[in-house]
Structures are given as C-alpha cells and as structure tokens.
Amino acid sequence: MSESPNITLIKRLYESGMAPEVTAEVMAEDLVWDITPGFPYGGVYHGWSSAGSDFFGRLAPNFEAFGAVPEEYFADDAGHVFVYGHYHGKAKTGNEVDARFIHLWTVRDGKAVQLRQAADSHLIHEALKG
C-alpha cells in the first residue's frame, strides 16, 4: 500500500528539521499552530512567522539541542495526519529530556493549515530546571 500524500507532506517537515525552504513550501499562510497549555510558551500562534519567532524563538534559547522525533504516522480521509513521537533535547541546564508527543496536523490543498500538539509538558519543565 502506498503512503498517503498528506503523510508524505508532513514527513518532509520532520525530515528537513523544519528547514526554512521546506516550511515555506509546506505551511499555509493562515497556519494555526496550537501548543498545549502547560507546555513552555504554550498557546495558539497564527502564521508560521509567529510560530517561528513567538514560540520557537522563546523556546530554543533554553536548549543546546531540541527536536521532534516522529515514530509513527497515521492519516484519515478528512485531511488529518497524526504523528506520534517524542521530543529529544538537551537543556542549557545540562539536563537531557525525552518527552512523548502527539501532533495532529490538518492538511488542505497540499498545505499544512493547522498543528495541534499535546505533549508531556512536565518532563520539559523538569529539564529546564537548574
């Protein structure tokens, strides 16, 4: 069985490490980036530029390295791609973290229009403690 085109699209984001040229091609201009409450800088961001600067721009300085490691992808017929995986990071405190996540992407007309994230926020906060 061949892979869903929506899974292929979302896999490109993870495999690229969110490279600017890939995000520019894959993300819709009206993207909604919804990070679970309780996660550092959790909230709803509108547009990739806001998600990039207002979320990642505040989160990234706390880490020497941080990334999403997808483990499984699932798609439905309504344009959703479910990604189960974990975040792996090394905080500037020296603590390492592996925290599970699930990402629910919505894809329309070949573009990612929404991400809804749920993650083990507690482990991330613990890693950030000195």
N, C-alpha and C. Protein backbone atom coordinates (compact mmCIF):
# COMPACT_ATOMS: atom_id res chain seq x y z
N MET A 1 0.84 -1.18 0.00
CA MET A 1 0.00 0.00 0.00
C MET A 1 0.89 1.24 0.00
N SER A 2 0.55 2.21 -0.82
CA SER A 2 1.36 3.42 -0.90
C SER A 2 1.01 4.38 0.24
N GLU A 3 1.97 5.24 0.53
CA GLU A 3 1.80 6.20 1.61
C GLU A 3 0.87 7.33 1.16
N SER A 4 0.07 7.81 2.07
CA SER A 4 -0.83 8.93 1.81
C SER A 4 -0.03 10.17 1.41
N PRO A 5 -0.50 10.96 0.43
CA PRO A 5 0.19 12.21 0.07
C PRO A 5 0.30 13.17 1.25
N ASN A 6 -0.68 13.15 2.14
CA ASN A 6 -0.62 14.03 3.31
C ASN A 6 0.48 13.60 4.28
N ILE A 7 0.66 12.30 4.45
CA ILE A 7 1.76 11.82 5.29
C ILE A 7 3.09 12.21 4.66
N THR A 8 3.21 12.03 3.36
CA THR A 8 4.45 12.41 2.66
C THR A 8 4.76 13.88 2.89
N LEU A 9 3.75 14.74 2.82
CA LEU A 9 3.93 16.17 3.02
C LEU A 9 4.44 16.46 4.43
N ILE A 10 3.79 15.90 5.43
CA ILE A 10 4.16 16.16 6.82
C ILE A 10 5.52 15.55 7.15
N LYS A 11 5.82 14.39 6.61
CA LYS A 11 7.14 13.77 6.83
C LYS A 11 8.25 14.70 6.36
N ARG A 12 8.01 15.42 5.27
CA ARG A 12 9.03 16.35 4.76
C ARG A 12 9.42 17.37 5.82
N LEU A 13 8.44 17.85 6.59
CA LEU A 13 8.75 18.82 7.64
C LEU A 13 9.69 18.24 8.68
N TYR A 14 9.35 17.06 9.17
CA TYR A 14 10.18 16.44 10.21
C TYR A 14 11.56 16.08 9.67
N GLU A 15 11.59 15.48 8.48
CA GLU A 15 12.86 15.05 7.91
C GLU A 15 13.78 16.22 7.58
N SER A 16 13.20 17.37 7.31
CA SER A 16 14.00 18.55 6.99
C SER A 16 14.50 19.27 8.25
N GLY A 17 13.97 18.90 9.41
CA GLY A 17 14.30 19.64 10.62
C GLY A 17 13.68 21.03 10.60
N MET A 18 12.56 21.16 9.91
CA MET A 18 11.84 22.43 9.76
C MET A 18 12.69 23.45 8.99
N ALA A 19 13.39 22.97 7.98
CA ALA A 19 14.21 23.85 7.15
C ALA A 19 13.34 24.96 6.54
N PRO A 20 13.86 26.18 6.50
CA PRO A 20 13.08 27.31 6.01
C PRO A 20 12.49 27.11 4.61
N GLU A 21 13.25 26.52 3.70
CA GLU A 21 12.71 26.33 2.35
C GLU A 21 11.57 25.32 2.33
N VAL A 22 11.59 24.34 3.24
CA VAL A 22 10.51 23.35 3.31
C VAL A 22 9.29 23.95 4.00
N THR A 23 9.50 24.66 5.10
CA THR A 23 8.35 25.26 5.78
C THR A 23 7.66 26.26 4.87
N ALA A 24 8.43 27.02 4.09
CA ALA A 24 7.83 27.99 3.17
C ALA A 24 6.96 27.31 2.13
N GLU A 25 7.36 26.13 1.72
CA GLU A 25 6.60 25.40 0.71
C GLU A 25 5.41 24.66 1.28
N VAL A 26 5.53 24.15 2.50
CA VAL A 26 4.53 23.25 3.06
C VAL A 26 3.48 23.96 3.92
N MET A 27 3.86 25.01 4.63
CA MET A 27 2.94 25.69 5.55
C MET A 27 2.04 26.67 4.82
N ALA A 28 0.76 26.64 5.16
CA ALA A 28 -0.19 27.61 4.62
C ALA A 28 0.05 28.97 5.28
N GLU A 29 -0.27 30.03 4.56
CA GLU A 29 -0.10 31.38 5.13
C GLU A 29 -0.94 31.58 6.37
N ASP A 30 -2.13 30.96 6.40
CA ASP A 30 -3.03 31.12 7.55
C ASP A 30 -2.89 29.98 8.56
N LEU A 31 -1.71 29.39 8.65
CA LEU A 31 -1.43 28.30 9.58
C LEU A 31 -1.83 28.66 11.01
N VAL A 32 -2.43 27.69 11.71
CA VAL A 32 -2.71 27.82 13.14
C VAL A 32 -1.83 26.81 13.85
N TRP A 33 -1.00 27.29 14.77
CA TRP A 33 -0.02 26.47 15.49
C TRP A 33 -0.46 26.46 16.95
N ASP A 34 -1.04 25.37 17.40
CA ASP A 34 -1.69 25.29 18.71
C ASP A 34 -0.89 24.37 19.63
N ILE A 35 -0.18 24.98 20.57
CA ILE A 35 0.66 24.24 21.52
C ILE A 35 -0.09 24.13 22.84
N THR A 36 -0.13 22.91 23.36
CA THR A 36 -0.93 22.62 24.54
C THR A 36 -0.62 23.55 25.71
N PRO A 37 -1.65 23.99 26.43
CA PRO A 37 -1.42 24.79 27.63
C PRO A 37 -0.57 23.98 28.62
N GLY A 38 0.32 24.65 29.29
CA GLY A 38 1.21 23.97 30.23
C GLY A 38 2.57 23.68 29.64
N PHE A 39 2.66 23.55 28.33
CA PHE A 39 3.95 23.39 27.66
C PHE A 39 4.63 24.76 27.69
N PRO A 40 5.96 24.83 27.82
CA PRO A 40 6.59 26.14 27.80
C PRO A 40 6.16 26.94 26.56
N TYR A 41 5.68 28.14 26.80
CA TYR A 41 5.21 29.05 25.76
C TYR A 41 4.02 28.50 24.98
N GLY A 42 3.25 27.62 25.63
CA GLY A 42 2.05 27.08 25.02
C GLY A 42 1.07 28.19 24.67
N GLY A 43 0.30 27.95 23.64
CA GLY A 43 -0.67 28.92 23.18
C GLY A 43 -0.98 28.69 21.72
N VAL A 44 -1.75 29.58 21.16
CA VAL A 44 -2.14 29.48 19.76
C VAL A 44 -1.43 30.60 19.00
N TYR A 45 -0.71 30.22 17.97
CA TYR A 45 0.04 31.14 17.14
C TYR A 45 -0.56 31.13 15.74
N HIS A 46 -0.62 32.28 15.12
CA HIS A 46 -1.23 32.41 13.79
C HIS A 46 -0.15 32.77 12.78
N GLY A 47 0.08 31.86 11.84
CA GLY A 47 1.10 32.03 10.82
C GLY A 47 2.42 31.44 11.26
N TRP A 48 3.17 30.94 10.27
CA TRP A 48 4.46 30.33 10.59
C TRP A 48 5.44 31.35 11.16
N SER A 49 5.38 32.59 10.71
CA SER A 49 6.32 33.58 11.25
C SER A 49 6.10 33.78 12.75
N SER A 50 4.85 33.76 13.20
CA SER A 50 4.56 33.88 14.63
C SER A 50 5.01 32.63 15.38
N ALA A 51 4.70 31.45 14.84
CA ALA A 51 5.13 30.21 15.49
C ALA A 51 6.66 30.17 15.57
N GLY A 52 7.31 30.60 14.51
CA GLY A 52 8.77 30.59 14.48
C GLY A 52 9.39 31.54 15.48
N SER A 53 8.89 32.76 15.54
CA SER A 53 9.51 33.76 16.42
C SER A 53 8.93 33.73 17.83
N ASP A 54 7.61 33.66 17.96
CA ASP A 54 6.97 33.78 19.27
C ASP A 54 6.98 32.48 20.08
N PHE A 55 7.02 31.34 19.40
CA PHE A 55 7.10 30.06 20.11
C PHE A 55 8.54 29.54 20.09
N PHE A 56 9.04 29.15 18.92
CA PHE A 56 10.39 28.59 18.83
C PHE A 56 11.45 29.61 19.23
N GLY A 57 11.22 30.87 18.91
CA GLY A 57 12.18 31.91 19.27
C GLY A 57 12.36 32.08 20.76
N ARG A 58 11.35 31.73 21.54
CA ARG A 58 11.45 31.79 23.00
C ARG A 58 11.88 30.46 23.59
N LEU A 59 11.46 29.34 22.96
CA LEU A 59 11.80 28.01 23.48
C LEU A 59 13.26 27.64 23.20
N ALA A 60 13.70 27.84 21.98
CA ALA A 60 15.02 27.38 21.54
C ALA A 60 16.18 27.90 22.39
N PRO A 61 16.19 29.16 22.84
CA PRO A 61 17.33 29.63 23.62
C PRO A 61 17.55 28.86 24.93
N ASN A 62 16.56 28.09 25.38
CA ASN A 62 16.70 27.31 26.60
C ASN A 62 17.39 25.97 26.38
N PHE A 63 17.66 25.63 25.12
CA PHE A 63 18.20 24.32 24.77
C PHE A 63 19.47 24.44 23.94
N GLU A 64 20.40 23.51 24.18
CA GLU A 64 21.54 23.35 23.28
C GLU A 64 21.08 22.63 22.02
N ALA A 65 20.16 21.70 22.19
CA ALA A 65 19.59 20.94 21.06
C ALA A 65 18.17 20.56 21.45
N PHE A 66 17.27 20.58 20.47
CA PHE A 66 15.88 20.19 20.72
C PHE A 66 15.26 19.82 19.38
N GLY A 67 14.58 18.69 19.33
CA GLY A 67 13.94 18.30 18.09
C GLY A 67 12.84 17.29 18.30
N ALA A 68 11.95 17.22 17.33
CA ALA A 68 10.86 16.25 17.34
C ALA A 68 11.31 15.01 16.58
N VAL A 69 11.11 13.86 17.21
CA VAL A 69 11.48 12.58 16.61
C VAL A 69 10.19 11.80 16.35
N PRO A 70 9.70 11.80 15.12
CA PRO A 70 8.47 11.06 14.83
C PRO A 70 8.72 9.56 14.86
N GLU A 71 7.74 8.82 15.36
CA GLU A 71 7.86 7.37 15.42
C GLU A 71 6.82 6.68 14.54
N GLU A 72 5.62 7.24 14.49
CA GLU A 72 4.56 6.65 13.68
C GLU A 72 3.71 7.76 13.07
N TYR A 73 3.22 7.50 11.87
CA TYR A 73 2.34 8.42 11.15
C TYR A 73 1.05 7.68 10.81
N PHE A 74 -0.07 8.37 10.94
CA PHE A 74 -1.36 7.83 10.57
C PHE A 74 -2.12 8.94 9.85
N ALA A 75 -2.96 8.58 8.89
CA ALA A 75 -3.76 9.58 8.18
C ALA A 75 -5.20 9.10 8.11
N ASP A 76 -6.13 10.05 8.03
CA ASP A 76 -7.53 9.70 7.80
C ASP A 76 -7.97 10.30 6.47
N ASP A 77 -9.22 10.14 6.15
CA ASP A 77 -9.74 10.64 4.87
C ASP A 77 -10.22 12.09 4.95
N ALA A 78 -10.06 12.71 6.11
CA ALA A 78 -10.53 14.09 6.29
C ALA A 78 -9.38 15.10 6.29
N GLY A 79 -8.20 14.68 5.84
CA GLY A 79 -7.08 15.60 5.76
C GLY A 79 -6.24 15.71 7.02
N HIS A 80 -6.39 14.75 7.92
CA HIS A 80 -5.61 14.78 9.15
C HIS A 80 -4.45 13.81 9.08
N VAL A 81 -3.33 14.23 9.65
CA VAL A 81 -2.17 13.36 9.82
C VAL A 81 -1.82 13.38 11.30
N PHE A 82 -1.78 12.20 11.89
CA PHE A 82 -1.45 12.04 13.30
C PHE A 82 -0.01 11.55 13.38
N VAL A 83 0.80 12.24 14.18
CA VAL A 83 2.19 11.86 14.33
C VAL A 83 2.43 11.60 15.81
N TYR A 84 2.86 10.38 16.11
CA TYR A 84 3.23 10.01 17.47
C TYR A 84 4.74 9.96 17.53
N GLY A 85 5.32 10.55 18.56
CA GLY A 85 6.77 10.54 18.68
C GLY A 85 7.22 11.11 20.01
N HIS A 86 8.45 11.59 20.03
CA HIS A 86 8.97 12.21 21.25
C HIS A 86 9.88 13.37 20.89
N TYR A 87 9.95 14.30 21.82
CA TYR A 87 10.92 15.38 21.72
C TYR A 87 12.19 14.91 22.40
N HIS A 88 13.31 15.17 21.77
CA HIS A 88 14.59 14.89 22.40
C HIS A 88 15.34 16.20 22.49
N GLY A 89 15.83 16.49 23.67
CA GLY A 89 16.56 17.73 23.82
C GLY A 89 17.59 17.68 24.92
N LYS A 90 18.49 18.64 24.83
CA LYS A 90 19.45 18.87 25.90
C LYS A 90 19.33 20.33 26.29
N ALA A 91 18.82 20.53 27.51
CA ALA A 91 18.62 21.89 28.00
C ALA A 91 19.96 22.51 28.37
N LYS A 92 20.00 23.83 28.38
CA LYS A 92 21.22 24.53 28.77
C LYS A 92 21.56 24.29 30.24
N THR A 93 20.63 23.72 30.99
CA THR A 93 20.90 23.32 32.37
C THR A 93 21.79 22.08 32.41
N GLY A 94 21.95 21.40 31.27
CA GLY A 94 22.70 20.15 31.21
C GLY A 94 21.80 18.93 31.24
N ASN A 95 20.52 19.14 31.55
CA ASN A 95 19.58 18.03 31.61
C ASN A 95 19.15 17.61 30.21
N GLU A 96 19.07 16.29 30.00
CA GLU A 96 18.52 15.77 28.75
C GLU A 96 17.08 15.35 28.98
N VAL A 97 16.30 15.38 27.92
CA VAL A 97 14.88 15.05 28.04
C VAL A 97 14.40 14.29 26.81
N ASP A 98 13.55 13.32 27.06
CA ASP A 98 12.77 12.64 26.03
C ASP A 98 11.33 12.69 26.52
N ALA A 99 10.49 13.42 25.82
CA ALA A 99 9.10 13.62 26.23
C ALA A 99 8.18 13.27 25.07
N ARG A 100 7.21 12.42 25.34
CA ARG A 100 6.29 11.99 24.28
C ARG A 100 5.40 13.12 23.81
N PHE A 101 5.02 13.04 22.52
CA PHE A 101 4.06 13.98 21.95
C PHE A 101 3.14 13.26 20.99
N ILE A 102 2.03 13.92 20.72
CA ILE A 102 1.20 13.58 19.57
C ILE A 102 0.90 14.90 18.87
N HIS A 103 1.10 14.90 17.57
CA HIS A 103 0.80 16.07 16.74
C HIS A 103 -0.35 15.69 15.82
N LEU A 104 -1.34 16.53 15.77
CA LEU A 104 -2.46 16.36 14.85
C LEU A 104 -2.38 17.50 13.84
N TRP A 105 -2.03 17.13 12.61
CA TRP A 105 -1.93 18.09 11.52
C TRP A 105 -3.21 18.07 10.70
N THR A 106 -3.59 19.21 10.19
CA THR A 106 -4.67 19.29 9.21
C THR A 106 -4.05 19.80 7.91
N VAL A 107 -4.33 19.08 6.83
CA VAL A 107 -3.79 19.43 5.52
C VAL A 107 -4.95 19.74 4.58
N ARG A 108 -4.84 20.86 3.87
CA ARG A 108 -5.84 21.23 2.86
C ARG A 108 -5.12 21.75 1.63
N ASP A 109 -5.53 21.27 0.49
CA ASP A 109 -4.97 21.73 -0.79
C ASP A 109 -3.44 21.65 -0.81
N GLY A 110 -2.90 20.58 -0.22
CA GLY A 110 -1.46 20.36 -0.26
C GLY A 110 -0.64 21.22 0.67
N LYS A 111 -1.29 21.86 1.65
CA LYS A 111 -0.60 22.71 2.62
C LYS A 111 -1.02 22.34 4.03
N ALA A 112 -0.09 22.45 4.97
CA ALA A 112 -0.40 22.27 6.38
C ALA A 112 -1.08 23.54 6.87
N VAL A 113 -2.33 23.40 7.35
CA VAL A 113 -3.09 24.58 7.79
C VAL A 113 -3.21 24.65 9.31
N GLN A 114 -2.96 23.51 9.99
CA GLN A 114 -3.07 23.53 11.45
C GLN A 114 -2.24 22.42 12.07
N LEU A 115 -1.64 22.75 13.20
CA LEU A 115 -0.99 21.77 14.07
C LEU A 115 -1.63 21.91 15.44
N ARG A 116 -2.07 20.79 15.99
CA ARG A 116 -2.49 20.75 17.40
C ARG A 116 -1.58 19.77 18.09
N GLN A 117 -0.94 20.21 19.16
CA GLN A 117 0.07 19.43 19.86
C GLN A 117 -0.38 19.11 21.26
N ALA A 118 -0.08 17.90 21.71
CA ALA A 118 -0.20 17.51 23.11
C ALA A 118 1.10 16.80 23.46
N ALA A 119 1.66 17.12 24.62
CA ALA A 119 2.96 16.57 24.98
C ALA A 119 3.10 16.46 26.49
N ASP A 120 4.09 15.69 26.90
CA ASP A 120 4.40 15.55 28.31
C ASP A 120 5.15 16.79 28.76
N SER A 121 4.41 17.82 29.07
CA SER A 121 4.96 19.12 29.44
C SER A 121 5.80 19.06 30.71
N HIS A 122 5.41 18.21 31.64
CA HIS A 122 6.12 18.11 32.92
C HIS A 122 7.60 17.78 32.71
N LEU A 123 7.88 16.83 31.84
CA LEU A 123 9.27 16.45 31.60
C LEU A 123 10.09 17.59 30.99
N ILE A 124 9.45 18.38 30.14
CA ILE A 124 10.14 19.52 29.54
C ILE A 124 10.48 20.54 30.63
N HIS A 125 9.50 20.84 31.49
CA HIS A 125 9.75 21.79 32.57
C HIS A 125 10.85 21.30 33.51
N GLU A 126 10.85 20.02 33.81
CA GLU A 126 11.88 19.44 34.70
C GLU A 126 13.27 19.59 34.08
N ALA A 127 13.38 19.39 32.77
CA ALA A 127 14.67 19.53 32.11
C ALA A 127 15.18 20.95 32.16
N LEU A 128 14.26 21.92 32.20
CA LEU A 128 14.67 23.33 32.21
C LEU A 128 15.07 23.82 33.60
N LYS A 129 14.78 23.03 34.63
CA LYS A 129 15.17 23.42 35.97
C LYS A 129 16.68 23.24 36.15
N GLY A 130 17.30 24.19 36.82
CA GLY A 130 18.75 24.13 37.04
C GLY A 130 19.16 23.21 38.14
